[in-house]
Amino acid sequence: MADERYLYDSKSHKAVMYQAGEHLYPISGNKAQHWISGDYIFSLETQAITYWILGNDVYGHVGNGELTREPVYYFAG
């Protein structure tokens, strides 16, 4: 895994977060909001799974093991 990469919104194709190490930070800030462990992204605030990574696509976790039908984000660069 690269040390730094960007997470883009699937609809607008604008960068919304960046990954540094195992943490995700908002583009406009320097306080981590999420951390990545394997194929899962967890909220630092709630400690719950918020997203699931499949390749470069990122799906929202809506609860009870259910995911969004379409990717909400994707990783690039």
Protein backbone atom coordinates (compact mmCIF):
# COMPACT_ATOMS: atom_id res chain seq x y z
CA MET A 1 0.00 0.00 0.00
CA ALA A 2 1.31 3.44 -0.88
CA ASP A 3 2.13 5.79 1.99
CA GLU A 4 -0.13 8.54 0.62
CA ARG A 5 -3.06 8.37 -1.76
CA TYR A 6 -6.29 10.26 -2.33
CA LEU A 7 -9.93 9.29 -1.91
CA TYR A 8 -12.26 10.76 -4.53
CA ASP A 9 -16.04 11.14 -4.48
CA SER A 10 -17.51 8.76 -7.08
CA LYS A 11 -20.06 11.29 -8.33
CA SER A 12 -18.13 14.57 -8.38
CA HIS A 13 -14.65 13.03 -8.87
CA LYS A 14 -13.26 15.57 -6.40
CA ALA A 15 -10.72 14.56 -3.78
CA VAL A 16 -12.38 14.46 -0.35
CA MET A 17 -9.77 12.74 1.83
CA TYR A 18 -6.19 11.61 1.69
CA GLN A 19 -4.52 8.59 3.24
CA ALA A 20 -1.27 8.97 5.13
CA GLY A 21 -0.12 5.72 6.67
CA GLU A 22 -3.20 3.93 7.99
CA HIS A 23 -5.25 7.08 8.60
CA LEU A 24 -7.63 9.13 6.42
CA TYR A 25 -7.66 12.91 6.73
CA PRO A 26 -10.08 15.41 5.19
CA ILE A 27 -8.56 17.38 2.31
CA SER A 28 -9.03 20.63 4.22
CA GLY A 29 -7.74 19.44 7.58
CA ASN A 30 -5.00 17.70 9.48
CA LYS A 31 -7.00 15.71 12.06
CA ALA A 32 -7.55 12.06 11.10
CA GLN A 33 -11.20 10.99 10.82
CA HIS A 34 -10.80 7.31 9.88
CA TRP A 35 -8.28 4.50 9.98
CA ILE A 36 -7.81 1.61 7.57
CA SER A 37 -7.36 -1.99 8.63
CA GLY A 38 -7.25 -4.52 5.81
CA ASP A 39 -10.32 -4.00 3.61
CA TYR A 40 -12.20 -1.94 6.19
CA ILE A 41 -12.28 1.74 7.07
CA PHE A 42 -13.26 2.59 10.65
CA SER A 43 -14.45 5.87 12.16
CA LEU A 44 -12.09 7.23 14.79
CA GLU A 45 -15.11 8.82 16.51
CA THR A 46 -17.39 5.77 16.76
CA GLN A 47 -14.86 2.94 16.24
CA ALA A 48 -17.43 1.37 13.86
CA ILE A 49 -16.86 0.18 10.29
CA THR A 50 -17.85 2.99 7.93
CA TYR A 51 -16.57 1.75 4.57
CA TRP A 52 -15.41 -1.40 2.79
CA ILE A 53 -12.59 -1.36 0.23
CA LEU A 54 -12.79 -3.54 -2.88
CA GLY A 55 -9.79 -2.86 -5.11
CA ASN A 56 -9.77 0.90 -5.56
CA ASP A 57 -13.53 1.25 -4.96
CA VAL A 58 -14.91 2.15 -1.53
CA TYR A 59 -18.45 1.16 -0.54
CA GLY A 60 -20.40 2.63 2.34
CA HIS A 61 -21.27 0.34 5.25
CA VAL A 62 -24.92 0.96 6.11
CA GLY A 63 -25.12 -1.50 9.01
CA ASN A 64 -25.92 -5.15 9.62
CA GLY A 65 -23.24 -6.15 7.12
CA GLU A 66 -24.99 -4.29 4.28
CA LEU A 67 -23.12 -2.09 1.82
CA THR A 68 -24.14 0.61 -0.61
CA ARG A 69 -24.94 -0.76 -4.08
CA GLU A 70 -22.52 1.59 -5.82
CA PRO A 71 -19.11 2.77 -4.62
CA VAL A 72 -19.24 6.11 -2.80
CA TYR A 73 -15.51 6.78 -3.15
CA TYR A 74 -12.48 5.50 -5.02
CA PHE A 75 -8.75 5.62 -4.38
CA ALA A 76 -6.33 7.12 -6.88
CA GLY A 77 -2.80 8.49 -6.85
